[in-house]
Amino acid sequence: MVRLLLIASLVGARGAAGLGAAPADSSMIQCGTAVDKSNTSQQTTAATYYIIAGGNCPVSGRIWDTAECESAVASLGITASPRTEGTTGTWDWTPPGCWIRFGGTQWAVTITNASANNGQYRAICREPTPAPTAAPTPALLP
């Protein structure tokens, strides 16, 4: 069973109950999927996306692909469509990568790291995928 979790927090606190209470100054919302650990054959994990209101995603969390941007926006529960004037561009005033304007219903991707959010946009970011941990090495017997 896969459940959608929405968590609002600056510190990334996670709660299994769903939507968590956020501090009044919270500017980040996380969204992802919880995987049922009782099914050991389930190997797939979904990407986790979050919003930075008025700022930019870290370089490692920027989404450059329009298909992933659209998927991320939908997974965050935002009802939006592709920007009608074009979904990619090099706008100086938007966050690098995937974004949606405050109060807006259209998403787009700024395809340059040289842009900076002027505070009127919500950057849509991807949580870095943790590196797999290596299996323990069996002990050698004498």
C-alpha atoms as a PDB file:
ATOM      1  CA  MET A   1       0.000   0.000   0.000  1.00  0.00           C
ATOM      2  CA  VAL A   2       1.379   3.409  -0.920  1.00  0.00           C
ATOM      3  CA  ARG A   3       0.162   6.543   0.845  1.00  0.00           C
ATOM      4  CA  LEU A   4       0.777  10.165   0.000  1.00  0.00           C
ATOM      5  CA  LEU A   5       2.278  12.210   2.814  1.00  0.00           C
ATOM      6  CA  LEU A   6       2.308  15.976   2.938  1.00  0.00           C
ATOM      7  CA  ILE A   7       4.553  17.514   5.524  1.00  0.00           C
ATOM      8  CA  ALA A   8       4.971  21.188   6.228  1.00  0.00           C
ATOM      9  CA  SER A   9       8.122  22.051   8.102  1.00  0.00           C
ATOM     10  CA  LEU A  10      11.363  23.963   7.868  1.00  0.00           C
ATOM     11  CA  VAL A  11      13.247  21.211   9.647  1.00  0.00           C
ATOM     12  CA  GLY A  12      11.784  18.358   7.614  1.00  0.00           C
ATOM     13  CA  ALA A  13       9.908  16.634  10.456  1.00  0.00           C
ATOM     14  CA  ARG A  14       7.972  13.685   9.111  1.00  0.00           C
ATOM     15  CA  GLY A  15       4.690  12.376  10.445  1.00  0.00           C
ATOM     16  CA  ALA A  16       2.749   9.311   9.370  1.00  0.00           C
ATOM     17  CA  ALA A  17      -0.594  10.961  10.077  1.00  0.00           C
ATOM     18  CA  GLY A  18      -0.502  13.135   6.950  1.00  0.00           C
ATOM     19  CA  LEU A  19      -0.467  16.908   7.007  1.00  0.00           C
ATOM     20  CA  GLY A  20       1.602  18.254   9.859  1.00  0.00           C
ATOM     21  CA  ALA A  21       1.330  21.616  11.535  1.00  0.00           C
ATOM     22  CA  ALA A  22       3.950  24.048  10.355  1.00  0.00           C
ATOM     23  CA  PRO A  23       5.476  27.015  12.084  1.00  0.00           C
ATOM     24  CA  ALA A  24       4.021  30.349  10.978  1.00  0.00           C
ATOM     25  CA  ASP A  25       7.230  31.210   9.087  1.00  0.00           C
ATOM     26  CA  SER A  26       7.402  27.890   7.238  1.00  0.00           C
ATOM     27  CA  SER A  27       8.416  28.224   3.593  1.00  0.00           C
ATOM     28  CA  MET A  28       8.962  24.589   2.664  1.00  0.00           C
ATOM     29  CA  ILE A  29       6.443  21.833   1.975  1.00  0.00           C
ATOM     30  CA  GLN A  30       7.572  18.265   1.384  1.00  0.00           C
ATOM     31  CA  CYS A  31       5.690  15.552  -0.420  1.00  0.00           C
ATOM     32  CA  GLY A  32       6.520  11.964  -1.126  1.00  0.00           C
ATOM     33  CA  THR A  33       5.327   8.419  -0.905  1.00  0.00           C
ATOM     34  CA  ALA A  34       5.510   5.998   1.967  1.00  0.00           C
ATOM     35  CA  VAL A  35       6.410   2.442   1.046  1.00  0.00           C
ATOM     36  CA  ASP A  36       4.843  -0.484   2.909  1.00  0.00           C
ATOM     37  CA  LYS A  37       7.871  -2.238   4.438  1.00  0.00           C
ATOM     38  CA  SER A  38       5.953  -5.488   4.967  1.00  0.00           C
ATOM     39  CA  ASN A  39       6.215  -6.243   1.235  1.00  0.00           C
ATOM     40  CA  THR A  40       9.890  -7.186   0.884  1.00  0.00           C
ATOM     41  CA  SER A  41       9.571  -7.667  -2.889  1.00  0.00           C
ATOM     42  CA  GLN A  42       8.780  -3.964  -3.325  1.00  0.00           C
ATOM     43  CA  GLN A  43      12.017  -2.359  -4.515  1.00  0.00           C
ATOM     44  CA  THR A  44      10.792   0.927  -6.006  1.00  0.00           C
ATOM     45  CA  THR A  45      10.905   4.210  -4.149  1.00  0.00           C
ATOM     46  CA  ALA A  46       9.368   7.404  -5.455  1.00  0.00           C
ATOM     47  CA  ALA A  47      11.104  10.741  -5.657  1.00  0.00           C
ATOM     48  CA  THR A  48      10.283  13.225  -2.927  1.00  0.00           C
ATOM     49  CA  TYR A  49       9.516  16.795  -3.934  1.00  0.00           C
ATOM     50  CA  TYR A  50       9.200  19.958  -1.884  1.00  0.00           C
ATOM     51  CA  ILE A  51       8.557  23.673  -2.358  1.00  0.00           C
ATOM     52  CA  ILE A  52      10.794  26.590  -1.449  1.00  0.00           C
ATOM     53  CA  ALA A  53       8.606  29.677  -1.363  1.00  0.00           C
ATOM     54  CA  GLY A  54      10.387  32.762  -2.688  1.00  0.00           C
ATOM     55  CA  GLY A  55      13.796  31.087  -2.943  1.00  0.00           C
ATOM     56  CA  ASN A  56      15.826  28.728  -5.124  1.00  0.00           C
ATOM     57  CA  CYS A  57      16.324  24.966  -4.884  1.00  0.00           C
ATOM     58  CA  PRO A  58      19.815  23.748  -4.035  1.00  0.00           C
ATOM     59  CA  VAL A  59      21.689  22.856  -7.222  1.00  0.00           C
ATOM     60  CA  SER A  60      21.348  19.121  -6.535  1.00  0.00           C
ATOM     61  CA  GLY A  61      17.568  19.474  -6.131  1.00  0.00           C
ATOM     62  CA  ARG A  62      16.796  21.424  -9.300  1.00  0.00           C
ATOM     63  CA  ILE A  63      14.423  19.817 -11.793  1.00  0.00           C
ATOM     64  CA  TRP A  64      15.382  20.528 -15.416  1.00  0.00           C
ATOM     65  CA  ASP A  65      13.044  18.113 -17.214  1.00  0.00           C
ATOM     66  CA  THR A  66       9.536  19.381 -18.074  1.00  0.00           C
ATOM     67  CA  ALA A  67       7.961  15.922 -17.658  1.00  0.00           C
ATOM     68  CA  GLU A  68       9.438  15.584 -14.165  1.00  0.00           C
ATOM     69  CA  CYS A  69       8.368  19.149 -13.336  1.00  0.00           C
ATOM     70  CA  GLU A  70       4.785  18.360 -14.309  1.00  0.00           C
ATOM     71  CA  SER A  71       4.887  15.148 -12.260  1.00  0.00           C
ATOM     72  CA  ALA A  72       6.394  16.938  -9.236  1.00  0.00           C
ATOM     73  CA  VAL A  73       3.747  19.680  -9.321  1.00  0.00           C
ATOM     74  CA  ALA A  74       0.982  17.051  -9.455  1.00  0.00           C
ATOM     75  CA  SER A  75       2.547  14.976  -6.653  1.00  0.00           C
ATOM     76  CA  LEU A  76       2.531  18.071  -4.434  1.00  0.00           C
ATOM     77  CA  GLY A  77      -1.230  18.333  -4.937  1.00  0.00           C
ATOM     78  CA  ILE A  78      -0.992  21.557  -6.939  1.00  0.00           C
ATOM     79  CA  THR A  79      -3.572  21.935  -9.696  1.00  0.00           C
ATOM     80  CA  ALA A  80      -1.615  23.552 -12.503  1.00  0.00           C
ATOM     81  CA  SER A  81      -1.031  23.301 -16.221  1.00  0.00           C
ATOM     82  CA  PRO A  82       2.006  24.001 -18.410  1.00  0.00           C
ATOM     83  CA  ARG A  83       2.757  27.705 -18.914  1.00  0.00           C
ATOM     84  CA  THR A  84       0.856  28.776 -22.048  1.00  0.00           C
ATOM     85  CA  GLU A  85       3.674  31.045 -23.284  1.00  0.00           C
ATOM     86  CA  GLY A  86       6.139  28.128 -23.188  1.00  0.00           C
ATOM     87  CA  THR A  87       7.358  25.718 -20.530  1.00  0.00           C
ATOM     88  CA  THR A  88      11.090  26.430 -20.794  1.00  0.00           C
ATOM     89  CA  GLY A  89      13.064  29.638 -20.895  1.00  0.00           C
ATOM     90  CA  THR A  90      15.954  31.648 -19.485  1.00  0.00           C
ATOM     91  CA  TRP A  91      14.036  34.178 -17.396  1.00  0.00           C
ATOM     92  CA  ASP A  92      16.278  36.145 -15.016  1.00  0.00           C
ATOM     93  CA  TRP A  93      13.600  36.657 -12.320  1.00  0.00           C
ATOM     94  CA  THR A  94      12.430  33.061 -11.777  1.00  0.00           C
ATOM     95  CA  PRO A  95      14.120  30.284  -9.795  1.00  0.00           C
ATOM     96  CA  PRO A  96      16.422  27.961 -11.749  1.00  0.00           C
ATOM     97  CA  GLY A  97      14.614  24.725 -12.594  1.00  0.00           C
ATOM     98  CA  CYS A  98      10.937  23.921 -12.024  1.00  0.00           C
ATOM     99  CA  TRP A  99       8.639  26.617 -10.584  1.00  0.00           C
ATOM    100  CA  ILE A 100       5.106  27.908 -10.197  1.00  0.00           C
ATOM    101  CA  ARG A 101       4.177  31.529  -9.518  1.00  0.00           C
ATOM    102  CA  PHE A 102       2.524  32.407  -6.174  1.00  0.00           C
ATOM    103  CA  GLY A 103      -1.229  32.229  -6.750  1.00  0.00           C
ATOM    104  CA  GLY A 104      -0.555  30.899 -10.236  1.00  0.00           C
ATOM    105  CA  THR A 105      -1.887  27.868 -12.003  1.00  0.00           C
ATOM    106  CA  GLN A 106       0.919  27.364 -14.529  1.00  0.00           C
ATOM    107  CA  TRP A 107       4.316  25.706 -14.126  1.00  0.00           C
ATOM    108  CA  ALA A 108       7.512  26.096 -16.161  1.00  0.00           C
ATOM    109  CA  VAL A 109      11.249  25.313 -16.105  1.00  0.00           C
ATOM    110  CA  THR A 110      13.977  27.947 -16.193  1.00  0.00           C
ATOM    111  CA  ILE A 111      16.883  26.214 -17.921  1.00  0.00           C
ATOM    112  CA  THR A 112      19.759  28.272 -16.515  1.00  0.00           C
ATOM    113  CA  ASN A 113      21.513  28.417 -13.162  1.00  0.00           C
ATOM    114  CA  ALA A 114      22.088  32.152 -13.728  1.00  0.00           C
ATOM    115  CA  SER A 115      18.536  33.175 -12.768  1.00  0.00           C
ATOM    116  CA  ALA A 116      17.381  34.127  -9.266  1.00  0.00           C
ATOM    117  CA  ASN A 117      13.907  34.067  -7.758  1.00  0.00           C
ATOM    118  CA  ASN A 118      12.578  37.603  -7.271  1.00  0.00           C
ATOM    119  CA  GLY A 119      10.355  36.314  -4.459  1.00  0.00           C
ATOM    120  CA  GLN A 120       7.211  35.903  -6.559  1.00  0.00           C
ATOM    121  CA  TYR A 121       7.700  32.204  -7.371  1.00  0.00           C
ATOM    122  CA  ARG A 122       7.659  28.838  -5.609  1.00  0.00           C
ATOM    123  CA  ALA A 123      10.613  26.653  -6.583  1.00  0.00           C
ATOM    124  CA  ILE A 124       9.724  22.963  -6.947  1.00  0.00           C
ATOM    125  CA  CYS A 125      12.668  20.852  -5.755  1.00  0.00           C
ATOM    126  CA  ARG A 126      13.652  17.174  -5.659  1.00  0.00           C
ATOM    127  CA  GLU A 127      15.084  15.615  -2.516  1.00  0.00           C
ATOM    128  CA  PRO A 128      18.427  13.983  -3.284  1.00  0.00           C
ATOM    129  CA  THR A 129      18.209  10.211  -3.549  1.00  0.00           C
ATOM    130  CA  PRO A 130      20.270   8.644  -0.764  1.00  0.00           C
ATOM    131  CA  ALA A 131      23.110   6.438  -1.917  1.00  0.00           C
ATOM    132  CA  PRO A 132      22.486   2.733  -1.359  1.00  0.00           C
ATOM    133  CA  THR A 133      24.225   1.258   1.634  1.00  0.00           C
ATOM    134  CA  ALA A 134      26.620  -1.593   0.997  1.00  0.00           C
ATOM    135  CA  ALA A 135      25.801  -5.040   2.305  1.00  0.00           C
ATOM    136  CA  PRO A 136      27.871  -5.993   5.348  1.00  0.00           C
ATOM    137  CA  THR A 137      30.960  -8.048   4.653  1.00  0.00           C
ATOM    138  CA  PRO A 138      30.709 -11.529   6.195  1.00  0.00           C
ATOM    139  CA  ALA A 139      33.223 -12.250   8.926  1.00  0.00           C
ATOM    140  CA  LEU A 140      36.082 -14.531   7.952  1.00  0.00           C
ATOM    141  CA  LEU A 141      36.380 -17.673  10.041  1.00  0.00           C
ATOM    142  CA  PRO A 142      39.828 -18.961  11.020  1.00  0.00           C
END
